[in-house]
């Protein structure tokens, strides 16, 4: 699995306000329907589980499949409660795990 991701969250948000979370995960998301240059099938390998936790509490989860393009991009909203960390984790069909994190400062 290709490592890396890009996370975008505001650095500061007011308590009680929703804020936008964007994450792009580097992953080939192989469907299992393609073949390599030698005609050999490329094994299916998609991210099948994705979760975001805000200070340890799950706030977003998704089950992905072969209909999702390579380097999946996810966008969702979370309500600001307290300053802390958003942690993202995902698992693909090969059992490889990935993660990312972002810090959020809540005011007011």
C-alpha atoms as a PDB file:
ATOM      1  CA  UNK A   1       0.000   0.000   0.000  1.00  0.00           C
ATOM      2  CA  UNK A   2       1.285   3.443  -0.811  1.00  0.00           C
ATOM      3  CA  UNK A   3       1.841   5.411   2.374  1.00  0.00           C
ATOM      4  CA  UNK A   4       0.628   8.892   2.992  1.00  0.00           C
ATOM      5  CA  UNK A   5      -2.416  11.049   3.181  1.00  0.00           C
ATOM      6  CA  UNK A   6      -3.354  14.678   3.144  1.00  0.00           C
ATOM      7  CA  UNK A   7      -5.679  16.036   5.820  1.00  0.00           C
ATOM      8  CA  UNK A   8      -7.323  19.455   5.842  1.00  0.00           C
ATOM      9  CA  UNK A   9      -9.112  20.813   8.911  1.00  0.00           C
ATOM     10  CA  UNK A  10      -9.287  24.372  10.212  1.00  0.00           C
ATOM     11  CA  UNK A  11      -6.616  25.161  12.793  1.00  0.00           C
ATOM     12  CA  UNK A  12      -9.177  26.947  14.956  1.00  0.00           C
ATOM     13  CA  UNK A  13     -12.985  26.723  15.246  1.00  0.00           C
ATOM     14  CA  UNK A  14     -15.627  27.986  17.687  1.00  0.00           C
ATOM     15  CA  UNK A  15     -17.188  25.537  20.159  1.00  0.00           C
ATOM     16  CA  UNK A  16     -20.491  24.150  18.896  1.00  0.00           C
ATOM     17  CA  UNK A  17     -19.801  25.043  15.265  1.00  0.00           C
ATOM     18  CA  UNK A  18     -19.581  22.402  12.539  1.00  0.00           C
ATOM     19  CA  UNK A  19     -16.287  22.264  10.656  1.00  0.00           C
ATOM     20  CA  UNK A  20     -15.268  20.568   7.442  1.00  0.00           C
ATOM     21  CA  UNK A  21     -12.822  17.670   7.357  1.00  0.00           C
ATOM     22  CA  UNK A  22     -11.132  16.654   4.101  1.00  0.00           C
ATOM     23  CA  UNK A  23      -8.788  13.715   3.704  1.00  0.00           C
ATOM     24  CA  UNK A  24      -7.133  12.238   0.644  1.00  0.00           C
ATOM     25  CA  UNK A  25      -5.538   8.818   1.181  1.00  0.00           C
ATOM     26  CA  UNK A  26      -2.808   7.554  -1.178  1.00  0.00           C
ATOM     27  CA  UNK A  27      -3.907   4.063  -2.155  1.00  0.00           C
ATOM     28  CA  UNK A  28      -4.216   2.331  -5.563  1.00  0.00           C
ATOM     29  CA  UNK A  29      -7.685   0.865  -4.776  1.00  0.00           C
ATOM     30  CA  UNK A  30      -7.206  -2.110  -7.127  1.00  0.00           C
ATOM     31  CA  UNK A  31     -10.569  -3.602  -8.151  1.00  0.00           C
ATOM     32  CA  UNK A  32      -9.283  -7.062  -9.066  1.00  0.00           C
ATOM     33  CA  UNK A  33     -10.498  -6.632 -12.651  1.00  0.00           C
ATOM     34  CA  UNK A  34      -7.246  -5.324 -14.184  1.00  0.00           C
ATOM     35  CA  UNK A  35      -4.249  -7.260 -15.479  1.00  0.00           C
ATOM     36  CA  UNK A  36      -0.575  -6.318 -15.460  1.00  0.00           C
ATOM     37  CA  UNK A  37       1.682  -5.981 -18.546  1.00  0.00           C
ATOM     38  CA  UNK A  38       2.142  -9.761 -18.631  1.00  0.00           C
ATOM     39  CA  UNK A  39      -1.611 -10.446 -18.570  1.00  0.00           C
ATOM     40  CA  UNK A  40      -1.595 -11.650 -14.965  1.00  0.00           C
ATOM     41  CA  UNK A  41      -4.599 -10.482 -12.866  1.00  0.00           C
ATOM     42  CA  UNK A  42      -3.833  -7.774 -10.312  1.00  0.00           C
ATOM     43  CA  UNK A  43      -5.271  -8.831  -6.956  1.00  0.00           C
ATOM     44  CA  UNK A  44      -8.125  -6.833  -5.490  1.00  0.00           C
ATOM     45  CA  UNK A  45      -6.889  -4.450  -2.806  1.00  0.00           C
ATOM     46  CA  UNK A  46      -9.196  -1.685  -1.669  1.00  0.00           C
ATOM     47  CA  UNK A  47      -9.532   0.200   1.579  1.00  0.00           C
ATOM     48  CA  UNK A  48     -12.527  -1.466   3.144  1.00  0.00           C
ATOM     49  CA  UNK A  49     -12.652   0.251   6.519  1.00  0.00           C
ATOM     50  CA  UNK A  50     -12.125   3.911   7.387  1.00  0.00           C
ATOM     51  CA  UNK A  51     -12.762   5.641  10.720  1.00  0.00           C
ATOM     52  CA  UNK A  52     -12.192   9.098  12.182  1.00  0.00           C
ATOM     53  CA  UNK A  53     -12.038   9.632  15.942  1.00  0.00           C
ATOM     54  CA  UNK A  54     -12.260  13.016  17.639  1.00  0.00           C
ATOM     55  CA  UNK A  55     -10.485  12.866  21.006  1.00  0.00           C
ATOM     56  CA  UNK A  56     -11.029   9.105  20.980  1.00  0.00           C
ATOM     57  CA  UNK A  57     -14.743   9.180  20.083  1.00  0.00           C
ATOM     58  CA  UNK A  58     -15.737   7.828  16.644  1.00  0.00           C
ATOM     59  CA  UNK A  59     -17.345  10.650  14.617  1.00  0.00           C
ATOM     60  CA  UNK A  60     -17.241   9.221  11.079  1.00  0.00           C
ATOM     61  CA  UNK A  61     -16.883   5.729   9.649  1.00  0.00           C
ATOM     62  CA  UNK A  62     -17.163   4.331   6.132  1.00  0.00           C
ATOM     63  CA  UNK A  63     -16.979   0.961   4.432  1.00  0.00           C
ATOM     64  CA  UNK A  64     -15.383   1.491   1.035  1.00  0.00           C
ATOM     65  CA  UNK A  65     -15.289  -0.840  -1.945  1.00  0.00           C
ATOM     66  CA  UNK A  66     -14.083  -1.249  -5.497  1.00  0.00           C
ATOM     67  CA  UNK A  67     -16.348   1.548  -6.763  1.00  0.00           C
ATOM     68  CA  UNK A  68     -14.076   4.131  -5.123  1.00  0.00           C
ATOM     69  CA  UNK A  69     -11.299   5.629  -7.257  1.00  0.00           C
ATOM     70  CA  UNK A  70      -7.610   5.390  -6.483  1.00  0.00           C
ATOM     71  CA  UNK A  71      -6.428   7.811  -3.791  1.00  0.00           C
ATOM     72  CA  UNK A  72      -9.871   8.141  -2.197  1.00  0.00           C
ATOM     73  CA  UNK A  73     -10.993  11.579  -1.092  1.00  0.00           C
ATOM     74  CA  UNK A  74     -13.449  11.868   1.790  1.00  0.00           C
ATOM     75  CA  UNK A  75     -15.206  15.013   3.001  1.00  0.00           C
ATOM     76  CA  UNK A  76     -17.462  15.280   6.041  1.00  0.00           C
ATOM     77  CA  UNK A  77     -18.452  17.637   8.858  1.00  0.00           C
ATOM     78  CA  UNK A  78     -17.897  17.356  12.606  1.00  0.00           C
ATOM     79  CA  UNK A  79     -19.157  19.613  15.414  1.00  0.00           C
ATOM     80  CA  UNK A  80     -16.416  21.271  17.471  1.00  0.00           C
ATOM     81  CA  UNK A  81     -16.556  20.321  21.147  1.00  0.00           C
ATOM     82  CA  UNK A  82     -13.080  20.611  22.648  1.00  0.00           C
ATOM     83  CA  UNK A  83      -9.548  21.214  21.465  1.00  0.00           C
ATOM     84  CA  UNK A  84      -7.761  18.010  20.631  1.00  0.00           C
ATOM     85  CA  UNK A  85      -6.920  15.585  17.904  1.00  0.00           C
ATOM     86  CA  UNK A  86      -8.674  13.969  15.000  1.00  0.00           C
ATOM     87  CA  UNK A  87      -7.231  10.524  14.279  1.00  0.00           C
ATOM     88  CA  UNK A  88      -7.905   8.724  11.020  1.00  0.00           C
ATOM     89  CA  UNK A  89      -7.355   4.996  10.504  1.00  0.00           C
ATOM     90  CA  UNK A  90      -7.975   2.679   7.571  1.00  0.00           C
ATOM     91  CA  UNK A  91      -7.464  -0.965   6.622  1.00  0.00           C
ATOM     92  CA  UNK A  92      -7.199  -2.484   3.141  1.00  0.00           C
ATOM     93  CA  UNK A  93      -7.916  -5.970   1.781  1.00  0.00           C
ATOM     94  CA  UNK A  94      -4.271  -6.981   2.248  1.00  0.00           C
ATOM     95  CA  UNK A  95      -4.508  -6.170   5.965  1.00  0.00           C
ATOM     96  CA  UNK A  96      -2.289  -3.108   5.639  1.00  0.00           C
ATOM     97  CA  UNK A  97      -3.178  -0.306   8.012  1.00  0.00           C
ATOM     98  CA  UNK A  98      -2.703   3.406   7.597  1.00  0.00           C
ATOM     99  CA  UNK A  99      -3.262   6.389   9.812  1.00  0.00           C
ATOM    100  CA  UNK A 100      -3.126  10.159   9.952  1.00  0.00           C
ATOM    101  CA  UNK A 101      -3.871  12.856  12.512  1.00  0.00           C
ATOM    102  CA  UNK A 102      -4.748  16.525  12.730  1.00  0.00           C
ATOM    103  CA  UNK A 103      -4.884  18.933  15.669  1.00  0.00           C
ATOM    104  CA  UNK A 104      -7.851  21.207  16.285  1.00  0.00           C
ATOM    105  CA  UNK A 105      -8.070  24.243  18.561  1.00  0.00           C
ATOM    106  CA  UNK A 106     -11.559  25.078  19.839  1.00  0.00           C
ATOM    107  CA  UNK A 107     -12.319  28.591  21.129  1.00  0.00           C
ATOM    108  CA  UNK A 108     -15.289  30.100  22.922  1.00  0.00           C
END
